[in-house]
N, C-alpha and C. Protein backbone atom coordinates (compact mmCIF):
# COMPACT_ATOMS: atom_id res chain seq x y z
N UNK A 1 38.45 11.20 11.86
CA UNK A 1 37.26 10.87 10.97
C UNK A 1 36.17 11.01 12.09
N UNK A 2 36.47 10.82 13.37
CA UNK A 2 35.37 10.53 14.84
C UNK A 2 34.99 11.94 14.89
N UNK A 3 36.01 12.54 15.48
CA UNK A 3 35.95 14.15 15.85
C UNK A 3 35.90 15.14 14.98
N UNK A 4 36.02 15.01 13.50
CA UNK A 4 35.91 16.33 12.73
C UNK A 4 34.76 17.01 12.92
N UNK A 5 34.82 18.27 13.01
CA UNK A 5 33.64 19.22 13.26
C UNK A 5 33.02 19.24 11.97
N UNK A 6 33.47 18.88 10.74
CA UNK A 6 32.60 18.86 9.46
C UNK A 6 31.94 17.29 9.51
N UNK A 7 30.42 17.23 9.50
CA UNK A 7 29.85 16.42 9.50
C UNK A 7 29.92 15.48 8.39
N UNK A 8 30.06 16.10 7.27
CA UNK A 8 30.51 15.23 5.94
C UNK A 8 31.97 14.37 5.62
N UNK A 9 32.59 14.81 6.96
CA UNK A 9 33.73 13.89 6.97
C UNK A 9 34.11 13.18 7.68
N UNK A 10 33.12 12.93 8.74
CA UNK A 10 32.92 12.14 10.01
C UNK A 10 32.60 10.93 9.54
N UNK A 11 33.47 9.42 9.89
CA UNK A 11 32.99 8.42 9.62
C UNK A 11 33.10 7.18 10.82
N UNK A 12 32.18 7.27 11.38
CA UNK A 12 32.35 6.42 12.71
C UNK A 12 33.25 5.03 12.67
N UNK A 13 32.63 4.34 11.65
CA UNK A 13 33.02 2.98 11.35
C UNK A 13 34.29 3.09 11.10
N UNK A 14 34.40 3.91 9.66
CA UNK A 14 35.91 3.67 9.30
C UNK A 14 36.93 4.60 10.60
N UNK A 15 36.47 5.07 11.04
CA UNK A 15 37.02 5.87 12.27
C UNK A 15 37.60 4.65 13.31
N UNK A 16 36.57 3.60 13.59
CA UNK A 16 36.95 2.91 14.52
C UNK A 16 37.74 1.63 14.05
N UNK A 17 38.01 1.35 12.83
CA UNK A 17 38.61 0.29 12.15
C UNK A 17 39.86 1.23 12.48
N UNK A 18 40.74 2.28 11.97
CA UNK A 18 41.68 2.60 12.03
C UNK A 18 42.14 3.20 13.70
N UNK A 19 41.52 3.55 14.50
CA UNK A 19 41.46 3.63 15.96
C UNK A 19 41.72 2.35 16.53
N UNK A 20 41.12 1.35 15.97
CA UNK A 20 41.53 -0.27 16.90
C UNK A 20 42.83 -0.44 16.32
N UNK A 21 42.91 -0.48 14.82
CA UNK A 21 44.26 -1.00 14.70
C UNK A 21 45.83 0.01 15.10
N UNK A 22 45.16 1.38 14.87
CA UNK A 22 46.62 1.94 15.72
C UNK A 22 46.44 1.97 17.13
N UNK A 23 45.93 1.34 17.91
CA UNK A 23 45.82 1.00 19.12
C UNK A 23 46.56 -0.31 19.40
N UNK A 24 46.55 -1.47 18.21
CA UNK A 24 46.73 -2.80 18.74
C UNK A 24 48.67 -2.50 18.54
N UNK A 25 48.62 -1.60 17.00
CA UNK A 25 50.34 -1.54 17.22
C UNK A 25 51.25 -0.97 17.93
N UNK A 26 50.48 0.06 18.72
CA UNK A 26 50.87 0.87 19.64
C UNK A 26 51.18 0.08 21.24
N UNK A 27 50.06 -1.08 21.38
CA UNK A 27 50.48 -1.67 22.52
C UNK A 27 49.37 -1.82 23.29
N UNK A 28 48.33 -1.06 22.93
CA UNK A 28 47.16 -0.65 24.37
C UNK A 28 47.54 0.24 25.39
N UNK A 29 48.28 0.64 25.57
CA UNK A 29 48.68 1.39 26.64
C UNK A 29 48.54 2.83 26.37
N UNK A 30 48.63 3.47 25.19
CA UNK A 30 48.67 4.81 24.95
C UNK A 30 47.56 5.81 25.16
N UNK A 31 47.56 6.34 26.22
CA UNK A 31 46.09 7.02 26.43
C UNK A 31 45.56 7.85 25.59
N UNK A 32 46.34 8.52 24.64
CA UNK A 32 45.83 9.32 23.61
C UNK A 32 44.99 8.21 22.39
N UNK A 33 45.60 7.44 22.24
CA UNK A 33 44.92 6.41 21.19
C UNK A 33 43.71 5.55 21.71
N UNK A 34 43.98 5.06 23.26
CA UNK A 34 43.08 4.59 23.92
C UNK A 34 41.81 5.82 23.81
N UNK A 35 41.57 7.17 23.95
CA UNK A 35 40.96 7.92 23.82
C UNK A 35 40.26 8.15 22.29
N UNK A 36 41.19 8.29 21.28
CA UNK A 36 40.64 8.53 19.74
C UNK A 36 39.82 7.08 19.71
N UNK A 37 39.79 5.41 20.38
CA UNK A 37 39.15 4.62 20.07
C UNK A 37 37.80 5.06 20.63
N UNK A 38 37.97 5.31 21.86
CA UNK A 38 36.47 5.94 22.66
C UNK A 38 35.53 6.87 21.78
N UNK A 39 36.18 7.68 21.04
CA UNK A 39 36.00 8.73 20.18
C UNK A 39 35.32 8.29 19.06
N UNK A 40 35.77 7.02 18.38
CA UNK A 40 35.56 6.45 17.09
C UNK A 40 33.92 5.77 17.60
N UNK A 41 34.17 5.09 18.86
CA UNK A 41 33.06 4.55 19.34
C UNK A 41 31.82 5.14 19.32
N UNK A 42 31.81 6.44 20.13
CA UNK A 42 30.66 7.57 20.34
C UNK A 42 30.16 7.81 19.07
N UNK A 43 30.97 8.40 18.22
CA UNK A 43 30.75 8.50 16.45
C UNK A 43 29.50 7.59 15.89
N UNK A 44 29.92 6.10 16.14
CA UNK A 44 29.63 5.40 15.85
C UNK A 44 28.17 4.62 16.85
N UNK A 45 27.71 5.68 17.28
CA UNK A 45 26.71 5.65 18.21
C UNK A 45 26.71 4.46 19.50
N UNK A 46 27.73 4.02 19.63
CA UNK A 46 28.41 2.75 20.40
C UNK A 46 28.50 3.53 21.82
N UNK A 47 28.04 4.15 22.29
CA UNK A 47 28.31 4.96 23.75
C UNK A 47 28.85 4.18 25.09
N UNK A 48 28.35 2.87 25.10
CA UNK A 48 28.68 1.97 26.10
C UNK A 48 30.23 1.72 26.25
N UNK A 49 30.89 1.26 24.93
CA UNK A 49 32.10 0.85 24.42
C UNK A 49 32.67 2.38 24.25
N UNK A 50 32.28 3.36 24.13
CA UNK A 50 32.84 4.73 24.24
C UNK A 50 33.43 4.59 25.63
N UNK A 51 32.86 4.69 26.41
CA UNK A 51 32.72 5.16 27.83
C UNK A 51 33.82 3.93 28.52
N UNK A 52 33.69 3.20 27.93
CA UNK A 52 34.59 1.87 28.46
C UNK A 52 35.98 2.11 27.97
N UNK A 53 36.11 2.47 26.78
CA UNK A 53 37.22 2.88 26.25
C UNK A 53 37.88 4.34 27.30
N UNK A 54 37.01 4.91 27.19
CA UNK A 54 37.55 6.41 28.02
C UNK A 54 37.97 6.11 29.25
N UNK A 55 37.55 5.16 29.80
CA UNK A 55 37.76 4.66 31.45
C UNK A 55 39.34 4.24 30.99
N UNK A 56 39.67 3.53 29.95
CA UNK A 56 40.77 2.79 29.76
C UNK A 56 41.87 3.83 29.84
N UNK A 57 41.23 4.80 29.10
CA UNK A 57 41.98 5.79 28.75
C UNK A 57 42.74 6.68 29.92
N UNK A 58 42.02 6.69 30.61
CA UNK A 58 41.92 7.62 32.00
C UNK A 58 42.96 6.57 32.88
N UNK A 59 42.42 5.06 33.20
CA UNK A 59 43.53 4.51 33.96
C UNK A 59 44.82 4.25 33.32
N UNK A 60 45.29 4.64 32.22
CA UNK A 60 46.52 4.31 31.29
C UNK A 60 47.18 5.66 31.62
N UNK A 61 46.79 6.77 32.23
CA UNK A 61 47.57 8.07 32.54
C UNK A 61 48.26 7.79 33.75
N UNK A 62 47.55 6.99 34.82
CA UNK A 62 48.21 6.46 36.01
C UNK A 62 49.17 7.25 36.75
N UNK A 63 49.10 8.44 36.72
CA UNK A 63 49.97 9.76 37.01
C UNK A 63 51.49 9.51 36.65
N UNK A 64 51.87 8.78 35.24
CA UNK A 64 53.10 8.90 34.36
C UNK A 64 52.94 10.50 33.69
N UNK A 65 54.27 10.49 33.68
CA UNK A 65 54.90 11.66 32.54
C UNK A 65 54.66 11.08 31.05
N UNK A 66 54.08 11.78 30.23
CA UNK A 66 54.02 11.24 28.88
C UNK A 66 55.20 12.49 27.88
N UNK A 67 55.17 12.06 27.07
CA UNK A 67 56.28 12.47 25.92
C UNK A 67 57.30 13.54 26.51
N UNK A 68 57.94 12.83 27.70
CA UNK A 68 59.03 13.72 28.69
C UNK A 68 58.73 15.03 28.71
N UNK A 69 57.33 14.84 29.06
CA UNK A 69 56.91 15.90 30.25
C UNK A 69 56.80 15.48 31.72
N UNK A 70 56.63 16.51 32.51
CA UNK A 70 56.67 16.11 33.84
C UNK A 70 55.08 15.45 34.21
N UNK A 71 55.11 15.04 34.97
CA UNK A 71 53.84 14.19 35.19
C UNK A 71 52.58 15.17 35.96
N UNK A 72 52.79 16.04 37.07
CA UNK A 72 52.19 16.75 37.76
C UNK A 72 50.91 17.58 37.09
N UNK A 73 51.17 18.50 36.56
CA UNK A 73 49.89 19.28 35.81
C UNK A 73 49.54 18.60 34.84
N UNK A 74 50.29 18.30 33.65
CA UNK A 74 49.64 17.33 32.05
C UNK A 74 48.92 16.54 32.91
N UNK A 75 49.45 15.72 33.86
CA UNK A 75 48.36 14.51 33.96
C UNK A 75 47.02 14.78 34.51
N UNK A 76 47.16 15.78 35.43
CA UNK A 76 45.67 16.41 35.97
C UNK A 76 44.97 16.89 34.86
N UNK A 77 45.63 17.72 34.07
CA UNK A 77 45.02 18.11 33.23
C UNK A 77 43.89 16.93 32.48
N UNK A 78 44.89 16.44 31.74
CA UNK A 78 44.19 15.06 31.01
C UNK A 78 43.36 14.19 31.65
N UNK A 79 43.62 14.07 33.09
CA UNK A 79 42.46 12.98 33.47
C UNK A 79 41.08 14.19 34.03
N UNK A 80 41.39 15.27 34.06
CA UNK A 80 39.80 16.14 34.23
C UNK A 80 39.38 16.21 32.85
N UNK A 81 39.93 16.19 31.58
CA UNK A 81 39.27 16.39 30.34
C UNK A 81 38.96 14.97 29.99
N UNK A 82 39.63 13.67 30.39
CA UNK A 82 38.73 12.28 30.24
C UNK A 82 37.75 11.87 31.06
N UNK A 83 37.64 12.69 32.33
CA UNK A 83 36.74 12.34 33.28
C UNK A 83 35.37 13.36 32.77
N UNK A 84 35.67 14.56 31.97
CA UNK A 84 34.44 15.23 31.36
C UNK A 84 34.10 14.59 30.34
N UNK A 85 34.89 14.27 28.91
CA UNK A 85 34.77 13.27 28.16
C UNK A 85 33.85 11.78 28.72
N UNK A 86 34.00 11.44 29.55
CA UNK A 86 33.63 10.01 30.15
C UNK A 86 32.17 10.15 30.54
N UNK A 87 31.91 11.82 31.13
CA UNK A 87 30.63 12.08 31.73
C UNK A 87 29.37 12.24 30.41
N UNK A 88 30.08 12.85 29.65
CA UNK A 88 29.60 13.27 28.39
C UNK A 88 28.96 11.87 27.35
N UNK A 89 29.88 11.18 27.44
CA UNK A 89 29.60 9.90 27.04
C UNK A 89 28.29 9.08 27.23
N UNK A 90 28.41 9.36 28.96
CA UNK A 90 27.51 8.66 29.65
C UNK A 90 26.12 9.10 29.19
N UNK A 91 26.29 10.29 29.04
CA UNK A 91 24.98 11.34 28.54
C UNK A 91 24.73 10.99 27.15
N UNK A 92 25.49 10.26 26.16
CA UNK A 92 24.89 9.75 24.78
C UNK A 92 25.63 11.30 24.13
N UNK A 93 26.92 11.87 24.36
CA UNK A 93 27.03 13.12 23.49
C UNK A 93 28.31 12.71 23.06
N UNK A 94 28.05 13.15 21.57
CA UNK A 94 29.07 12.32 20.79
C UNK A 94 30.10 13.45 20.97
N UNK A 95 31.42 13.05 20.54
CA UNK A 95 32.76 13.25 20.82
C UNK A 95 32.79 14.57 20.03
N UNK A 96 32.83 14.90 18.72
CA UNK A 96 32.93 16.27 18.21
C UNK A 96 32.23 17.60 18.43
N UNK A 97 31.47 17.33 19.58
CA UNK A 97 30.97 18.17 20.51
C UNK A 97 31.83 19.20 21.59
N UNK A 98 32.78 18.46 21.70
CA UNK A 98 33.69 18.60 22.95
C UNK A 98 34.75 19.80 22.34
């Protein structure tokens, strides 16, 4: 709902509600769900909060393997993506353009 390329399907407030709930259920440590919360905040024009959550997502990577994969290149690729998105959110660019 926050990152859909179709404007008519995006709903920042609803996306934020769902993302926060999913993050809570999963214990607030999964980088993918932390990133989803960041996207929802950005879509709702709450960029400072989006940046804060994107940084949490980056910190949650912490070089750990995810989904049974090796940490190395996957982690670096995700870290670069997360950092790029954090920079764009700092510039008030919405998630769905990424």
